C-alpha atoms as a PDB file:
ATOM      1  CA  UNK A   1      72.697-156.985 -22.823  1.00  0.00           C
ATOM      2  CA  UNK A   2      69.706-159.450 -22.449  1.00  0.00           C
ATOM      3  CA  UNK A   3      68.500-160.622 -19.133  1.00  0.00           C
ATOM      4  CA  UNK A   4      69.678-163.643 -19.113  1.00  0.00           C
ATOM      5  CA  UNK A   5      71.324-165.980 -16.034  1.00  0.00           C
ATOM      6  CA  UNK A   6      74.246-163.683 -15.660  1.00  0.00           C
ATOM      7  CA  UNK A   7      76.796-166.672 -14.670  1.00  0.00           C
ATOM      8  CA  UNK A   8      75.914-168.288 -18.017  1.00  0.00           C
ATOM      9  CA  UNK A   9      76.600-164.976 -19.803  1.00  0.00           C
ATOM     10  CA  UNK A  10      79.971-164.978 -18.225  1.00  0.00           C
ATOM     11  CA  UNK A  11      80.389-168.288 -18.646  1.00  0.00           C
ATOM     12  CA  UNK A  12      79.280-168.749 -22.446  1.00  0.00           C
ATOM     13  CA  UNK A  13      80.319-165.546 -24.078  1.00  0.00           C
ATOM     14  CA  UNK A  14      82.647-165.508 -27.088  1.00  0.00           C
ATOM     15  CA  UNK A  15      82.906-161.718 -26.411  1.00  0.00           C
ATOM     16  CA  UNK A  16      84.625-160.040 -23.517  1.00  0.00           C
ATOM     17  CA  UNK A  17      82.257-159.229 -21.046  1.00  0.00           C
ATOM     18  CA  UNK A  18      83.045-156.377 -18.323  1.00  0.00           C
ATOM     19  CA  UNK A  19      80.735-157.150 -15.292  1.00  0.00           C
ATOM     20  CA  UNK A  20      79.954-154.098 -12.932  1.00  0.00           C
ATOM     21  CA  UNK A  21      79.125-154.862  -9.674  1.00  0.00           C
ATOM     22  CA  UNK A  22      77.223-152.361  -8.121  1.00  0.00           C
ATOM     23  CA  UNK A  23      74.486-151.124  -5.813  1.00  0.00           C
ATOM     24  CA  UNK A  24      72.027-148.661  -6.433  1.00  0.00           C
ATOM     25  CA  UNK A  25      72.682-146.875  -3.341  1.00  0.00           C
ATOM     26  CA  UNK A  26      76.218-146.436  -4.318  1.00  0.00           C
ATOM     27  CA  UNK A  27      77.442-142.960  -4.876  1.00  0.00           C
ATOM     28  CA  UNK A  28      80.833-144.278  -6.517  1.00  0.00           C
ATOM     29  CA  UNK A  29      78.892-146.620  -8.626  1.00  0.00           C
ATOM     30  CA  UNK A  30      76.695-144.464  -9.828  1.00  0.00           C
ATOM     31  CA  UNK A  31      79.738-141.911 -10.604  1.00  0.00           C
ATOM     32  CA  UNK A  32      81.540-144.784 -12.898  1.00  0.00           C
ATOM     33  CA  UNK A  33      78.299-145.305 -14.904  1.00  0.00           C
ATOM     34  CA  UNK A  34      78.738-142.451 -17.504  1.00  0.00           C
ATOM     35  CA  UNK A  35      82.774-143.306 -17.533  1.00  0.00           C
ATOM     36  CA  UNK A  36      81.951-146.728 -18.207  1.00  0.00           C
ATOM     37  CA  UNK A  37      79.296-146.311 -21.266  1.00  0.00           C
ATOM     38  CA  UNK A  38      82.006-143.471 -22.728  1.00  0.00           C
ATOM     39  CA  UNK A  39      84.797-145.840 -22.855  1.00  0.00           C
ATOM     40  CA  UNK A  40      83.151-148.841 -24.067  1.00  0.00           C
ATOM     41  CA  UNK A  41      81.497-146.842 -26.765  1.00  0.00           C
ATOM     42  CA  UNK A  42      85.310-145.678 -27.581  1.00  0.00           C
ATOM     43  CA  UNK A  43      86.312-149.258 -27.532  1.00  0.00           C
ATOM     44  CA  UNK A  44      83.452-149.809 -30.454  1.00  0.00           C
ATOM     45  CA  UNK A  45      81.295-152.289 -28.491  1.00  0.00           C
ATOM     46  CA  UNK A  46      84.389-155.036 -28.426  1.00  0.00           C
ATOM     47  CA  UNK A  47      83.452-155.364 -24.905  1.00  0.00           C
ATOM     48  CA  UNK A  48      79.608-156.196 -23.523  1.00  0.00           C
ATOM     49  CA  UNK A  49      78.325-154.543 -20.253  1.00  0.00           C
ATOM     50  CA  UNK A  50      76.879-157.137 -17.220  1.00  0.00           C
ATOM     51  CA  UNK A  51      75.608-154.757 -14.278  1.00  0.00           C
ATOM     52  CA  UNK A  52      74.933-157.350 -11.586  1.00  0.00           C
ATOM     53  CA  UNK A  53      73.111-155.631  -8.892  1.00  0.00           C
ATOM     54  CA  UNK A  54      75.379-157.183  -5.401  1.00  0.00           C
ATOM     55  CA  UNK A  55      72.140-156.635  -3.464  1.00  0.00           C
ATOM     56  CA  UNK A  56      69.911-158.747  -5.617  1.00  0.00           C
ATOM     57  CA  UNK A  57      73.038-160.949  -6.687  1.00  0.00           C
ATOM     58  CA  UNK A  58      74.419-161.546  -3.241  1.00  0.00           C
ATOM     59  CA  UNK A  59      76.196-164.962  -4.154  1.00  0.00           C
ATOM     60  CA  UNK A  60      77.828-164.207  -7.484  1.00  0.00           C
ATOM     61  CA  UNK A  61      78.982-161.194  -5.431  1.00  0.00           C
ATOM     62  CA  UNK A  62      80.536-163.613  -2.824  1.00  0.00           C
ATOM     63  CA  UNK A  63      81.290-165.927  -5.683  1.00  0.00           C
ATOM     64  CA  UNK A  64      83.709-163.959  -7.424  1.00  0.00           C
ATOM     65  CA  UNK A  65      85.141-162.081  -3.764  1.00  0.00           C
ATOM     66  CA  UNK A  66      83.800-158.848  -4.525  1.00  0.00           C
ATOM     67  CA  UNK A  67      84.187-157.331  -1.122  1.00  0.00           C
ATOM     68  CA  UNK A  68      83.700-153.564  -1.933  1.00  0.00           C
ATOM     69  CA  UNK A  69      81.778-151.749  -4.914  1.00  0.00           C
ATOM     70  CA  UNK A  70      82.215-150.402  -7.533  1.00  0.00           C
ATOM     71  CA  UNK A  71      83.862-153.779  -8.627  1.00  0.00           C
ATOM     72  CA  UNK A  72      84.754-154.208 -12.085  1.00  0.00           C
ATOM     73  CA  UNK A  73      85.923-157.750 -13.468  1.00  0.00           C
ATOM     74  CA  UNK A  74      86.377-158.416 -17.238  1.00  0.00           C
ATOM     75  CA  UNK A  75      85.854-162.333 -18.472  1.00  0.00           C
ATOM     76  CA  UNK A  76      86.296-164.127 -21.559  1.00  0.00           C
ATOM     77  CA  UNK A  77      84.812-167.592 -21.976  1.00  0.00           C
ATOM     78  CA  UNK A  78      84.618-167.591 -17.925  1.00  0.00           C
ATOM     79  CA  UNK A  79      87.857-166.709 -17.284  1.00  0.00           C
ATOM     80  CA  UNK A  80      89.028-163.670 -15.621  1.00  0.00           C
ATOM     81  CA  UNK A  81      91.320-161.413 -17.708  1.00  0.00           C
ATOM     82  CA  UNK A  82      91.391-158.398 -15.367  1.00  0.00           C
ATOM     83  CA  UNK A  83      89.486-157.406 -12.343  1.00  0.00           C
ATOM     84  CA  UNK A  84      89.625-153.628 -10.182  1.00  0.00           C
ATOM     85  CA  UNK A  85      87.642-151.818  -7.391  1.00  0.00           C
ATOM     86  CA  UNK A  86      87.041-148.520  -6.699  1.00  0.00           C
ATOM     87  CA  UNK A  87      86.770-145.469  -8.950  1.00  0.00           C
ATOM     88  CA  UNK A  88      88.995-145.105 -11.669  1.00  0.00           C
ATOM     89  CA  UNK A  89      89.831-142.414 -14.090  1.00  0.00           C
ATOM     90  CA  UNK A  90      88.359-142.671 -17.976  1.00  0.00           C
ATOM     91  CA  UNK A  91      91.787-143.094 -19.006  1.00  0.00           C
ATOM     92  CA  UNK A  92      92.656-145.729 -16.586  1.00  0.00           C
ATOM     93  CA  UNK A  93      89.616-147.406 -17.624  1.00  0.00           C
ATOM     94  CA  UNK A  94      90.041-147.239 -21.048  1.00  0.00           C
ATOM     95  CA  UNK A  95      93.883-148.056 -21.315  1.00  0.00           C
ATOM     96  CA  UNK A  96      92.780-151.375 -19.279  1.00  0.00           C
ATOM     97  CA  UNK A  97      90.352-152.611 -21.135  1.00  0.00           C
ATOM     98  CA  UNK A  98      92.147-151.484 -24.994  1.00  0.00           C
ATOM     99  CA  UNK A  99      94.577-154.301 -23.943  1.00  0.00           C
ATOM    100  CA  UNK A 100      91.666-156.951 -24.168  1.00  0.00           C
ATOM    101  CA  UNK A 101      90.108-155.995 -27.235  1.00  0.00           C
END
């Protein structure tokens, strides 16, 4: 996704947007990166990915009540459709997101 204002992307996107709240130092976040990429690819690009580094955007993390990372929230037109924290299996992530495609 283009480097725009993340909050604006979340609120105005007509597509579903999976927001990945992460930090560069977070091992579990790095573990999830290839899993997220595979699942979104399998879903045919119907869900866009927006990665938000909580160290660089603490106000967004606070606004969306992100207490631990990794943390995922699925938005469409600014509304949260689904959210989950922690490591997930590829199967669980796929099943959760597929419902919103």
